[in-house]
C-alpha cells in the first residue's frame, strides 16, 4: 500500500461498525506496510483514567497494555506532544524495555508522533513505528509523513464513537466496543457479547427489539466483524415491497417471467454471494413467500422466478423484527417451521428506556457532537432543564427518536447552547369540535360516518397523538405504514382507499419504516 493511498483508506476504514480494537489493529498493519516498518502501534489517551495511555492496537504476544502518562517514549510523546525519532532505543533514557523483556522482541529504531488534529490541539493518542526494515533508521521524510498521517488519523477518529474529552482536555472517551454504536450499560453490554460471538460463526441470527433500537446497525456489526466482511452486505426490507414482488426481489427473475420482465435480473440472494443477507422486518414477509425462504435457509438452494435451474447461494442470513412472532405463529400469519429456523441465535435489543439515564445522556452528547460538526455549529452545551427533559422522556421511538430530537435542537441553536425551548414540543391531547380528537385515550366519532370516513378519522387521530409519526402510529395500530398512508389518502383528495376498509381492519400488512 502506498503512503498516499493509506491516507485515503483511513477515513473509509474508520467509518465502519467494526470492533475498535480490530479496526485500529488493521490500521497499524497498513501503516507498517506503507512506512516499511517492522511494527506499528497506536496508543489512545484514556480521558476517563486520567494519566493512563490505553494500548489499543496490540502486539501479538501481549494483551492490552496500559502505561502511566509519561512512561516510555510513547508516554513521553503523549504527555509533551513532541515528535521523537530514535536510531538506537537502548541508549535513550526515555525508553522503557518492559515490553521487550516480556515478548523477547528487540526494539532498535523508533519514530513516534502525537495524534491530534493540529499542533495546538489536545493530544488524543500516539502512533509509533518500530524498527525500520533493512536495519536502517527512520529519516526526516518519514517523520514529516507520520506527523501528517497522525493529524489525519485524529480527524478520522472523529468519525468513530471515540468522543473527545470534555473541556479541551487530552484524551478520548471510549463509548462502546463497536464503532458507531454508543453505550456501556449492562443491557447493551450483554448484547455486545452476543454480537461478538455470533459474528465468529455463520449461524442465522434473529435480532428482536422495538422500532428504533438499532437492529440495522447491529446486523451490519455482525457482518463487518465476521470472516465475510470483505463481501457484500445486502438488505431486503420486507415492509416496502408488494407481495407479488418479494419473491423476485429475493431470488431474481428470468426474462419473460411476468409482464415487464424484459431481462434477467439477479435477486438479493445472488447479490449477497459470499457475504451477508439482512432480512429487515421479517415478521412482515408474506405468508406464501415464507415457505420459499424456509427452503433456502435449510439447503441454500433457490430458483429465479420463471426459471427452472436450481441455484445455490453462499450467504449468511441475519433477520430482524419488532413483531411478536409467537403471536403471529399462533394466529397462522407466520410459519412455525420458519420461526424455529430463524431463531438459531436470538438477540434481544433493549429499548432505550431500559438502558438508564446515564446512557441516554451519553447518546445525547454523542449525537450533539455529531450534528454540531455536520452543521458547522459550535461545541454544544446543554441547559440542565433540557437534560432533565431528555432524561425523563420515555422514548417510544428509542434511539432513532432521540437522534432526531438532538438533530433538531442543533439545527435550531446556532450558538450551540441547547435549552428546553430547542427540544421538540411534546404535544398534549386536544379535542376538535367536529368530533375528531387527537387524544390517545379517546376518539369521538359521529354515528353518521361511513366506514371509510370512520377509519380515516380514527387513523388521523392516532397519527396526531404520535406527533405526526406514521411509523409509530403503524406500530400502535399493528398495521403497516403503507396502510396508514392509504387510510389517510381521502383527506388529501385521493378518493376512497384502493383496498377498502379491510386493509386496516385485517391486521398486519407491509410497513414502510426501517430499523
Protein backbone atom coordinates (compact mmCIF):
# COMPACT_ATOMS: atom_id res chain seq x y z
CA UNK A 1 0.00 0.00 0.00
CA UNK A 2 1.35 3.44 -0.93
CA UNK A 3 1.56 6.27 1.59
CA UNK A 4 -0.94 8.34 -0.41
CA UNK A 5 -3.50 5.55 -0.60
CA UNK A 6 -3.14 4.93 3.14
CA UNK A 7 -4.30 8.48 3.92
CA UNK A 8 -7.38 7.95 1.74
CA UNK A 9 -8.03 4.49 3.14
CA UNK A 10 -8.04 5.52 6.80
CA UNK A 11 -11.25 7.56 6.55
CA UNK A 12 -13.27 4.72 4.98
CA UNK A 13 -11.77 2.20 7.40
CA UNK A 14 -12.74 4.20 10.48
CA UNK A 15 -16.30 4.80 9.28
CA UNK A 16 -17.31 1.16 9.69
CA UNK A 17 -19.16 -0.53 12.58
CA UNK A 18 -16.21 -2.77 13.39
CA UNK A 19 -14.72 -3.70 16.72
CA UNK A 20 -12.45 -0.76 17.56
CA UNK A 21 -9.52 -2.93 18.60
CA UNK A 22 -9.68 -4.81 15.31
CA UNK A 23 -10.12 -1.54 13.40
CA UNK A 24 -7.02 0.08 14.87
CA UNK A 25 -5.10 -3.16 14.51
CA UNK A 26 -5.85 -3.18 10.78
CA UNK A 27 -4.81 0.47 10.55
CA UNK A 28 -1.49 -0.42 12.18
CA UNK A 29 -0.84 -3.27 9.76
CA UNK A 30 -1.38 -0.97 6.79
CA UNK A 31 0.70 1.79 8.35
CA UNK A 32 3.67 -0.53 8.96
CA UNK A 33 3.49 -1.73 5.37
CA UNK A 34 3.40 1.79 3.92
CA UNK A 35 6.24 3.03 6.17
CA UNK A 36 8.47 -0.04 5.74
CA UNK A 37 8.47 -0.58 9.50
CA UNK A 38 8.57 -3.91 11.28
CA UNK A 39 5.65 -2.91 13.50
CA UNK A 40 3.26 -0.03 14.05
CA UNK A 41 1.22 0.57 17.18
CA UNK A 42 -1.45 3.04 18.24
CA UNK A 43 -1.99 4.16 21.80
CA UNK A 44 -5.03 6.22 22.81
CA UNK A 45 -5.07 8.54 25.81
CA UNK A 46 -7.88 7.37 28.08
CA UNK A 47 -9.56 10.55 29.32
CA UNK A 48 -11.54 8.71 32.00
CA UNK A 49 -8.45 7.14 33.61
CA UNK A 50 -6.58 10.45 33.69
CA UNK A 51 -2.87 9.70 33.50
CA UNK A 52 -3.09 6.39 31.60
CA UNK A 53 -2.46 5.64 27.95
CA UNK A 54 -4.55 2.79 26.58
CA UNK A 55 -2.80 0.44 24.19
CA UNK A 56 -5.49 -0.42 21.63
CA UNK A 57 -3.61 -1.93 18.69
CA UNK A 58 -1.83 -4.92 20.18
CA UNK A 59 1.46 -6.68 19.78
CA UNK A 60 0.58 -10.30 19.03
CA UNK A 61 2.39 -11.52 22.15
CA UNK A 62 0.57 -9.39 24.71
CA UNK A 63 -2.95 -8.50 25.82
CA UNK A 64 -3.91 -4.84 26.08
CA UNK A 65 -1.33 -2.71 27.92
CA UNK A 66 -1.79 0.43 29.96
CA UNK A 67 1.03 2.84 30.72
CA UNK A 68 1.16 5.81 33.07
CA UNK A 69 1.28 9.04 31.11
CA UNK A 70 4.96 9.84 30.73
CA UNK A 71 6.41 6.32 30.97
CA UNK A 72 8.44 5.17 27.96
CA UNK A 73 8.83 7.07 24.73
CA UNK A 74 5.13 6.63 23.85
CA UNK A 75 4.13 8.06 27.24
CA UNK A 76 6.59 10.91 26.84
CA UNK A 77 5.11 11.86 23.46
CA UNK A 78 1.56 11.61 24.86
CA UNK A 79 2.48 13.94 27.74
CA UNK A 80 4.55 16.52 25.83
CA UNK A 81 3.13 16.38 22.32
CA UNK A 82 6.65 16.24 20.85
CA UNK A 83 7.71 14.03 17.93
CA UNK A 84 10.53 11.62 18.82
CA UNK A 85 12.86 9.89 16.34
CA UNK A 86 15.40 7.45 17.84
CA UNK A 87 18.06 5.47 15.97
CA UNK A 88 19.05 3.26 18.93
CA UNK A 89 16.33 2.92 21.56
CA UNK A 90 18.58 1.15 24.07
CA UNK A 91 20.66 4.32 24.51
CA UNK A 92 17.70 6.66 25.04
CA UNK A 93 16.89 7.24 28.75
CA UNK A 94 13.18 7.65 27.95
CA UNK A 95 12.93 4.13 26.51
CA UNK A 96 11.07 1.56 28.66
CA UNK A 97 12.27 -2.02 27.89
CA UNK A 98 9.43 -3.70 29.82
CA UNK A 99 7.52 -4.82 26.69
CA UNK A 100 10.73 -6.11 25.04
CA UNK A 101 11.57 -8.20 28.09
CA UNK A 102 8.04 -9.65 28.19
CA UNK A 103 7.91 -10.57 24.50
CA UNK A 104 11.52 -11.23 23.52
CA UNK A 105 11.20 -8.54 20.85
CA UNK A 106 14.16 -6.17 20.35
CA UNK A 107 13.32 -2.54 19.66
CA UNK A 108 16.05 -0.65 17.78
CA UNK A 109 14.83 2.38 15.82
CA UNK A 110 11.64 4.25 16.69
CA UNK A 111 9.51 7.03 15.24
CA UNK A 112 6.70 8.29 17.50
CA UNK A 113 4.22 11.13 16.83
CA UNK A 114 1.23 12.54 18.76
CA UNK A 115 -2.27 12.01 17.36
CA UNK A 116 -4.04 15.38 17.34
CA UNK A 117 -5.99 17.49 14.87
CA UNK A 118 -3.42 20.32 14.74
CA UNK A 119 -0.27 21.47 16.51
CA UNK A 120 -2.06 23.23 19.40
CA UNK A 121 -4.90 20.73 19.80
CA UNK A 122 -5.06 18.30 22.76
CA UNK A 123 -3.23 15.01 22.25
CA UNK A 124 -5.66 12.16 21.58
CA UNK A 125 -3.11 9.38 21.32
CA UNK A 126 0.24 8.29 19.94
CA UNK A 127 1.24 6.47 16.74
CA UNK A 128 4.51 4.59 16.93
CA UNK A 129 6.73 2.87 14.32
CA UNK A 130 9.28 0.26 15.40
CA UNK A 131 12.40 -0.92 13.53
CA UNK A 132 12.87 0.35 10.01
CA UNK A 133 13.07 -2.61 7.64
CA UNK A 134 16.56 -3.42 6.34
CA UNK A 135 18.18 -2.34 9.58
CA UNK A 136 18.15 1.35 8.70
CA UNK A 137 16.78 4.37 10.56
CA UNK A 138 13.71 6.49 10.08
CA UNK A 139 14.53 9.80 8.35
CA UNK A 140 13.11 13.32 8.20
CA UNK A 141 10.81 12.42 5.29
CA UNK A 142 9.35 9.56 7.35
CA UNK A 143 8.84 11.99 10.23
CA UNK A 144 7.01 14.58 8.11
CA UNK A 145 4.74 11.91 6.68
CA UNK A 146 3.94 10.36 10.06
CA UNK A 147 3.07 13.78 11.53
CA UNK A 148 0.70 14.44 8.60
CA UNK A 149 -0.82 10.99 8.92
CA UNK A 150 -1.28 11.37 12.70
CA UNK A 151 -3.23 14.57 12.04
CA UNK A 152 -5.43 12.77 9.50
CA UNK A 153 -5.87 9.90 11.95
CA UNK A 154 -7.07 12.33 14.63
CA UNK A 155 -9.65 13.75 12.22
CA UNK A 156 -10.71 10.28 11.15
CA UNK A 157 -11.23 9.28 14.78
CA UNK A 158 -13.97 11.92 14.98
CA UNK A 159 -15.96 9.64 12.64
CA UNK A 160 -15.95 6.92 15.30
CA UNK A 161 -17.66 6.73 18.68
CA UNK A 162 -14.42 7.74 20.39
CA UNK A 163 -15.56 11.05 21.89
CA UNK A 164 -13.05 13.80 22.64
CA UNK A 165 -12.58 14.63 26.33
CA UNK A 166 -14.67 17.49 27.71
CA UNK A 167 -13.22 20.96 28.28
CA UNK A 168 -10.46 20.68 25.69
CA UNK A 169 -8.55 18.17 27.83
CA UNK A 170 -6.29 15.50 26.33
CA UNK A 171 -7.60 12.06 25.53
CA UNK A 172 -10.67 10.26 24.27
CA UNK A 173 -13.68 8.57 25.87
CA UNK A 174 -14.45 5.06 24.64
CA UNK A 175 -18.24 4.74 24.47
CA UNK A 176 -18.56 1.11 23.38
CA UNK A 177 -16.60 -1.69 21.69
CA UNK A 178 -18.22 -1.28 18.27
CA UNK A 179 -17.63 1.79 16.16
CA UNK A 180 -20.77 3.90 15.59
CA UNK A 181 -22.68 2.11 18.39
CA UNK A 182 -22.73 4.04 21.66
CA UNK A 183 -23.46 2.53 25.05
CA UNK A 184 -21.87 0.82 28.05
CA UNK A 185 -24.87 -0.03 30.25
CA UNK A 186 -25.38 -3.60 31.44
CA UNK A 187 -28.27 -4.35 29.00
CA UNK A 188 -26.33 -3.20 25.92
CA UNK A 189 -23.07 -4.80 27.10
CA UNK A 190 -24.85 -8.16 27.14
CA UNK A 191 -25.83 -7.52 23.51
CA UNK A 192 -22.22 -6.72 22.57
CA UNK A 193 -21.06 -10.06 23.93
CA UNK A 194 -23.63 -11.97 21.89
CA UNK A 195 -22.89 -9.96 18.73
CA UNK A 196 -19.16 -10.68 19.03
CA UNK A 197 -19.77 -14.39 19.50
CA UNK A 198 -22.34 -14.60 16.71
CA UNK A 199 -20.01 -12.79 14.29
CA UNK A 200 -17.48 -15.59 14.62
CA UNK A 201 -19.89 -18.09 13.08
CA UNK A 202 -22.20 -18.38 10.07
CA UNK A 203 -25.25 -19.16 12.21
CA UNK A 204 -28.54 -17.46 11.30
CA UNK A 205 -29.24 -14.58 13.68
CA UNK A 206 -32.62 -13.12 14.67
CA UNK A 207 -32.43 -9.58 16.08
CA UNK A 208 -35.53 -8.57 18.03
CA UNK A 209 -36.49 -5.26 19.54
CA UNK A 210 -38.73 -2.23 19.30
CA UNK A 211 -38.60 0.16 16.37
CA UNK A 212 -35.58 2.46 16.58
CA UNK A 213 -33.38 0.26 18.80
CA UNK A 214 -30.69 -0.08 16.13
CA UNK A 215 -31.31 -3.53 14.67
CA UNK A 216 -29.85 -2.47 11.32
CA UNK A 217 -26.64 -1.19 12.95
CA UNK A 218 -26.14 -4.41 14.88
CA UNK A 219 -26.82 -6.51 11.78
CA UNK A 220 -24.06 -4.66 9.95
CA UNK A 221 -21.78 -5.01 13.00
CA UNK A 222 -22.20 -8.78 12.77
CA UNK A 223 -21.21 -8.67 9.11
CA UNK A 224 -18.16 -6.41 9.32
CA UNK A 225 -16.76 -8.37 12.24
CA UNK A 226 -17.15 -11.72 10.50
CA UNK A 227 -15.00 -13.58 8.02
CA UNK A 228 -17.40 -12.32 5.31
CA UNK A 229 -16.62 -8.64 5.94
CA UNK A 230 -14.95 -8.14 2.54
CA UNK A 231 -18.04 -9.44 0.71
CA UNK A 232 -21.41 -7.66 0.20
CA UNK A 233 -23.88 -6.73 2.93
CA UNK A 234 -27.29 -6.72 1.22
CA UNK A 235 -30.54 -5.56 2.85
CA UNK A 236 -34.07 -6.63 1.98
CA UNK A 237 -36.75 -4.50 3.67
CA UNK A 238 -39.71 -6.86 3.90
CA UNK A 239 -42.13 -3.97 4.56
CA UNK A 240 -41.62 -1.92 1.41
CA UNK A 241 -42.38 -4.38 -1.40
CA UNK A 242 -45.75 -5.52 -2.76
CA UNK A 243 -46.31 -9.20 -2.00
CA UNK A 244 -46.09 -10.14 -5.68
CA UNK A 245 -42.58 -8.68 -5.97
CA UNK A 246 -40.99 -10.10 -2.83
CA UNK A 247 -40.01 -13.40 -4.45
CA UNK A 248 -38.41 -11.61 -7.40
CA UNK A 249 -36.59 -9.25 -5.03
CA UNK A 250 -35.16 -12.16 -3.06
CA UNK A 251 -34.39 -14.67 -5.79
CA UNK A 252 -34.42 -12.66 -9.04
CA UNK A 253 -36.34 -13.40 -12.22
CA UNK A 254 -35.80 -14.58 -15.78
CA UNK A 255 -36.66 -12.64 -18.90
CA UNK A 256 -40.38 -13.04 -19.66
CA UNK A 257 -41.25 -14.28 -16.17
CA UNK A 258 -44.01 -11.66 -15.93
CA UNK A 259 -45.25 -8.56 -17.70
CA UNK A 260 -42.42 -6.04 -17.87
CA UNK A 261 -39.67 -8.57 -17.21
CA UNK A 262 -37.66 -7.72 -20.32
CA UNK A 263 -34.34 -9.06 -18.99
CA UNK A 264 -32.86 -11.41 -16.44
CA UNK A 265 -32.43 -9.72 -13.04
CA UNK A 266 -30.45 -11.26 -10.17
CA UNK A 267 -32.08 -11.23 -6.74
CA UNK A 268 -30.68 -10.06 -3.45
CA UNK A 269 -29.55 -13.60 -2.60
CA UNK A 270 -27.27 -13.64 -5.66
CA UNK A 271 -26.05 -10.10 -4.97
CA UNK A 272 -25.06 -11.12 -1.42
CA UNK A 273 -22.99 -14.10 -2.60
CA UNK A 274 -20.19 -14.76 -0.14
CA UNK A 275 -21.49 -12.06 2.20
CA UNK A 276 -24.49 -11.38 4.43
CA UNK A 277 -28.20 -11.11 3.56
CA UNK A 278 -30.10 -8.94 6.04
CA UNK A 279 -33.86 -9.53 6.08
CA UNK A 280 -35.25 -6.48 7.86
CA UNK A 281 -38.71 -6.77 9.43
CA UNK A 282 -39.02 -10.47 8.70
CA UNK A 283 -42.37 -10.54 10.53
CA UNK A 284 -43.94 -8.67 7.59
CA UNK A 285 -42.88 -11.24 4.97
CA UNK A 286 -45.95 -12.51 3.03
CA UNK A 287 -47.04 -15.99 4.09
CA UNK A 288 -46.73 -17.50 0.61
CA UNK A 289 -43.07 -16.46 0.38
CA UNK A 290 -42.18 -17.81 3.82
CA UNK A 291 -42.07 -21.39 2.52
CA UNK A 292 -39.57 -20.50 -0.18
CA UNK A 293 -37.42 -18.66 2.32
CA UNK A 294 -37.56 -21.71 4.60
CA UNK A 295 -36.29 -23.92 1.80
CA UNK A 296 -33.41 -21.52 1.14
CA UNK A 297 -32.46 -21.40 4.81
CA UNK A 298 -32.49 -25.19 5.03
CA UNK A 299 -30.41 -26.09 1.98
CA UNK A 300 -29.33 -22.73 0.46
CA UNK A 301 -31.00 -23.53 -2.89
CA UNK A 302 -33.49 -21.45 -4.90
CA UNK A 303 -34.83 -20.77 -8.39
CA UNK A 304 -35.33 -17.42 -10.07
CA UNK A 305 -38.95 -16.51 -10.81
CA UNK A 306 -39.74 -18.02 -14.21
CA UNK A 307 -36.60 -20.18 -14.12
CA UNK A 308 -36.06 -23.92 -13.91
CA UNK A 309 -32.42 -24.14 -12.89
CA UNK A 310 -31.81 -24.73 -9.19
CA UNK A 311 -29.12 -22.42 -7.87
CA UNK A 312 -27.10 -22.36 -4.66
CA UNK A 313 -26.32 -19.30 -2.55
CA UNK A 314 -23.41 -18.96 -0.14
CA UNK A 315 -24.74 -16.27 2.19
CA UNK A 316 -25.03 -15.69 5.90
CA UNK A 317 -28.56 -14.68 6.92
CA UNK A 318 -29.37 -12.12 9.61
CA UNK A 319 -33.04 -11.29 10.30
CA UNK A 320 -34.70 -8.55 12.33
CA UNK A 321 -38.23 -7.84 13.51
CA UNK A 322 -40.19 -5.81 16.04
CA UNK A 323 -43.21 -8.11 15.63
CA UNK A 324 -44.47 -10.62 18.19
CA UNK A 325 -43.59 -13.70 16.14
CA UNK A 326 -45.03 -16.10 18.71
CA UNK A 327 -48.42 -14.43 18.38
CA UNK A 328 -48.10 -14.40 14.60
CA UNK A 329 -47.41 -18.16 14.64
CA UNK A 330 -50.43 -18.78 16.90
CA UNK A 331 -52.63 -16.72 14.55
CA UNK A 332 -51.35 -18.50 11.45
CA UNK A 333 -49.62 -15.43 9.99
CA UNK A 334 -46.09 -16.80 10.35
CA UNK A 335 -44.95 -20.34 9.65
CA UNK A 336 -43.95 -22.25 12.76
CA UNK A 337 -41.18 -24.17 10.96
CA UNK A 338 -39.69 -20.90 9.67
CA UNK A 339 -39.96 -19.41 13.16
CA UNK A 340 -37.75 -22.13 14.60
CA UNK A 341 -35.38 -21.98 11.64
CA UNK A 342 -34.58 -18.28 12.05
CA UNK A 343 -34.21 -18.50 15.85
CA UNK A 344 -30.79 -20.18 15.74
CA UNK A 345 -29.14 -17.26 17.54
CA UNK A 346 -31.70 -14.86 19.03
CA UNK A 347 -30.55 -11.47 20.30
CA UNK A 348 -32.98 -9.09 22.02
CA UNK A 349 -32.08 -5.41 21.77
CA UNK A 350 -33.16 -3.41 24.85
CA UNK A 351 -35.39 -0.33 24.48
CA UNK A 352 -33.67 2.96 25.24
CA UNK A 353 -35.69 3.48 28.44
CA UNK A 354 -34.17 0.26 29.86
CA UNK A 355 -30.60 1.46 29.33
CA UNK A 356 -30.72 4.16 32.02
CA UNK A 357 -30.47 7.95 32.16
CA UNK A 358 -26.68 7.93 32.11
CA UNK A 359 -26.69 6.12 28.78
CA UNK A 360 -29.39 8.41 27.39
CA UNK A 361 -27.19 11.39 28.27
CA UNK A 362 -24.14 9.74 26.66
CA UNK A 363 -26.12 9.19 23.45
CA UNK A 364 -27.41 12.76 23.65
CA UNK A 365 -23.88 14.17 23.76
CA UNK A 366 -22.74 11.79 21.01
CA UNK A 367 -25.49 12.95 18.64
CA UNK A 368 -24.93 16.59 19.63
CA UNK A 369 -21.23 16.37 18.74
CA UNK A 370 -22.06 14.55 15.50
CA UNK A 371 -24.60 17.08 14.24
CA UNK A 372 -22.68 20.11 15.50
CA UNK A 373 -19.77 19.03 13.34
CA UNK A 374 -22.05 18.23 10.39
CA UNK A 375 -23.89 21.57 10.53
CA UNK A 376 -20.92 23.75 11.48
CA UNK A 377 -22.26 24.64 14.93
CA UNK A 378 -20.10 25.50 17.97
CA UNK A 379 -19.34 22.83 20.56
CA UNK A 380 -22.79 22.12 22.03
CA UNK A 381 -23.73 22.64 25.68
CA UNK A 382 -26.97 21.66 27.39
CA UNK A 383 -29.10 23.63 29.82
CA UNK A 384 -29.89 21.48 32.92
CA UNK A 385 -33.61 21.73 32.21
CA UNK A 386 -33.07 20.36 28.71
CA UNK A 387 -31.05 17.42 30.01
CA UNK A 388 -33.73 16.77 32.63
CA UNK A 389 -36.45 16.69 29.96
CA UNK A 390 -34.40 14.34 27.80
CA UNK A 391 -33.70 12.04 30.74
CA UNK A 392 -37.34 11.85 31.82
CA UNK A 393 -38.82 11.14 28.38
CA UNK A 394 -39.99 7.55 27.80
CA UNK A 395 -38.61 7.38 24.22
CA UNK A 396 -41.21 5.24 22.44
CA UNK A 397 -39.16 5.72 19.25
CA UNK A 398 -35.96 4.70 21.07
CA UNK A 399 -32.51 5.74 19.82
CA UNK A 400 -33.83 6.97 16.46
CA UNK A 401 -36.28 9.32 18.20
CA UNK A 402 -33.50 10.67 20.43
CA UNK A 403 -31.24 11.23 17.43
CA UNK A 404 -33.94 13.23 15.65
CA UNK A 405 -34.59 15.31 18.77
CA UNK A 406 -30.93 16.25 19.05
CA UNK A 407 -30.51 16.92 15.32
CA UNK A 408 -33.48 19.30 15.51
CA UNK A 409 -32.07 21.03 18.60
CA UNK A 410 -28.64 21.53 16.99
CA UNK A 411 -30.26 22.96 13.86
CA UNK A 412 -32.30 25.44 15.97
CA UNK A 413 -29.43 26.53 18.26
CA UNK A 414 -26.84 28.38 16.16
CA UNK A 415 -24.85 29.36 19.28
CA UNK A 416 -24.56 25.72 20.36
CA UNK A 417 -26.44 26.18 23.66
CA UNK A 418 -29.34 23.74 23.86
CA UNK A 419 -32.25 24.83 26.05
CA UNK A 420 -35.66 23.34 26.72
CA UNK A 421 -37.11 25.60 24.01
CA UNK A 422 -34.95 23.90 21.36
CA UNK A 423 -36.37 20.44 22.04
CA UNK A 424 -39.38 19.15 20.10
CA UNK A 425 -42.67 20.01 21.75
CA UNK A 426 -44.46 17.16 23.48
CA UNK A 427 -47.98 17.69 22.23
CA UNK A 428 -50.87 17.33 24.64
CA UNK A 429 -54.18 15.79 23.58
CA UNK A 430 -56.69 18.27 22.16
CA UNK A 431 -60.32 17.76 21.22
CA UNK A 432 -61.59 19.06 17.87
CA UNK A 433 -65.13 20.43 17.75
CA UNK A 434 -66.26 18.49 14.68
CA UNK A 435 -65.88 15.21 16.51
CA UNK A 436 -62.24 14.46 15.68
CA UNK A 437 -59.78 14.04 18.51
CA UNK A 438 -56.03 13.58 18.79
CA UNK A 439 -56.29 12.08 22.27
CA UNK A 440 -54.62 8.73 22.71
CA UNK A 441 -57.27 7.65 25.24
CA UNK A 442 -60.48 8.75 23.48
CA UNK A 443 -61.59 9.34 19.91
CA UNK A 444 -65.18 10.53 19.42
CA UNK A 445 -66.76 9.72 16.05
CA UNK A 446 -70.21 10.76 14.81
CA UNK A 447 -72.51 7.81 14.10
CA UNK A 448 -73.44 9.01 10.59
CA UNK A 449 -69.92 8.40 9.19
CA UNK A 450 -69.25 5.79 6.54
CA UNK A 451 -66.79 3.05 7.49
CA UNK A 452 -64.10 4.60 5.25
CA UNK A 453 -64.57 8.01 6.90
CA UNK A 454 -64.51 6.49 10.37
CA UNK A 455 -61.26 4.66 9.64
CA UNK A 456 -59.71 7.80 8.17
CA UNK A 457 -60.63 9.90 11.22
CA UNK A 458 -59.51 7.27 13.70
CA UNK A 459 -56.15 6.77 11.94
CA UNK A 460 -55.72 10.54 11.72
CA UNK A 461 -56.27 10.85 15.47
CA UNK A 462 -53.69 8.15 16.22
CA UNK A 463 -51.15 9.81 13.90
CA UNK A 464 -51.77 13.14 15.62
CA UNK A 465 -51.30 11.50 19.02
CA UNK A 466 -47.94 10.26 17.73
CA UNK A 467 -46.88 13.80 16.79
CA UNK A 468 -47.31 13.02 13.09
CA UNK A 469 -45.03 9.96 13.21
CA UNK A 470 -46.76 7.49 10.89
CA UNK A 471 -44.28 4.75 11.70
CA UNK A 472 -45.14 4.94 15.40
CA UNK A 473 -48.86 5.11 14.58
CA UNK A 474 -48.50 1.98 12.45
CA UNK A 475 -46.74 0.22 15.31
CA UNK A 476 -49.50 1.11 17.79
CA UNK A 477 -52.24 0.00 15.39
CA UNK A 478 -50.41 -3.18 14.42
CA UNK A 479 -50.53 -2.43 10.68
CA UNK A 480 -48.09 -1.34 8.01
CA UNK A 481 -47.04 2.24 7.34
CA UNK A 482 -48.39 1.98 3.81
CA UNK A 483 -51.78 1.06 5.29
CA UNK A 484 -51.69 4.29 7.30
CA UNK A 485 -50.96 6.27 4.13
CA UNK A 486 -53.84 4.63 2.28
CA UNK A 487 -56.25 5.27 5.14
CA UNK A 488 -55.35 8.97 5.14
CA UNK A 489 -55.45 9.40 1.34
CA UNK A 490 -59.08 10.60 1.39
CA UNK A 491 -58.03 13.64 3.44
CA UNK A 492 -55.67 14.70 0.65
CA UNK A 493 -58.10 14.25 -2.17
CA UNK A 494 -57.04 10.74 -3.11
CA UNK A 495 -60.58 9.35 -3.09
CA UNK A 496 -61.54 6.07 -1.43
CA UNK A 497 -58.71 3.75 -0.47
CA UNK A 498 -57.88 1.31 -3.20
CA UNK A 499 -58.14 -1.69 -0.87
CA UNK A 500 -61.13 -0.59 1.20
CA UNK A 501 -61.59 -0.75 4.97
CA UNK A 502 -60.29 -4.32 5.24
CA UNK A 503 -56.78 -3.01 4.56
CA UNK A 504 -56.84 -1.56 8.07
CA UNK A 505 -59.19 -3.95 9.86
CA UNK A 506 -57.49 -7.04 8.51
CA UNK A 507 -54.41 -6.76 10.76
CA UNK A 508 -50.76 -6.88 9.70
CA UNK A 509 -49.70 -5.57 6.30
CA UNK A 510 -46.46 -4.21 4.92
CA UNK A 511 -44.78 -1.33 6.72
CA UNK A 512 -42.54 1.29 5.19
CA UNK A 513 -40.42 2.17 8.22
CA UNK A 514 -36.95 0.82 8.90
CA UNK A 515 -34.88 -0.08 11.91
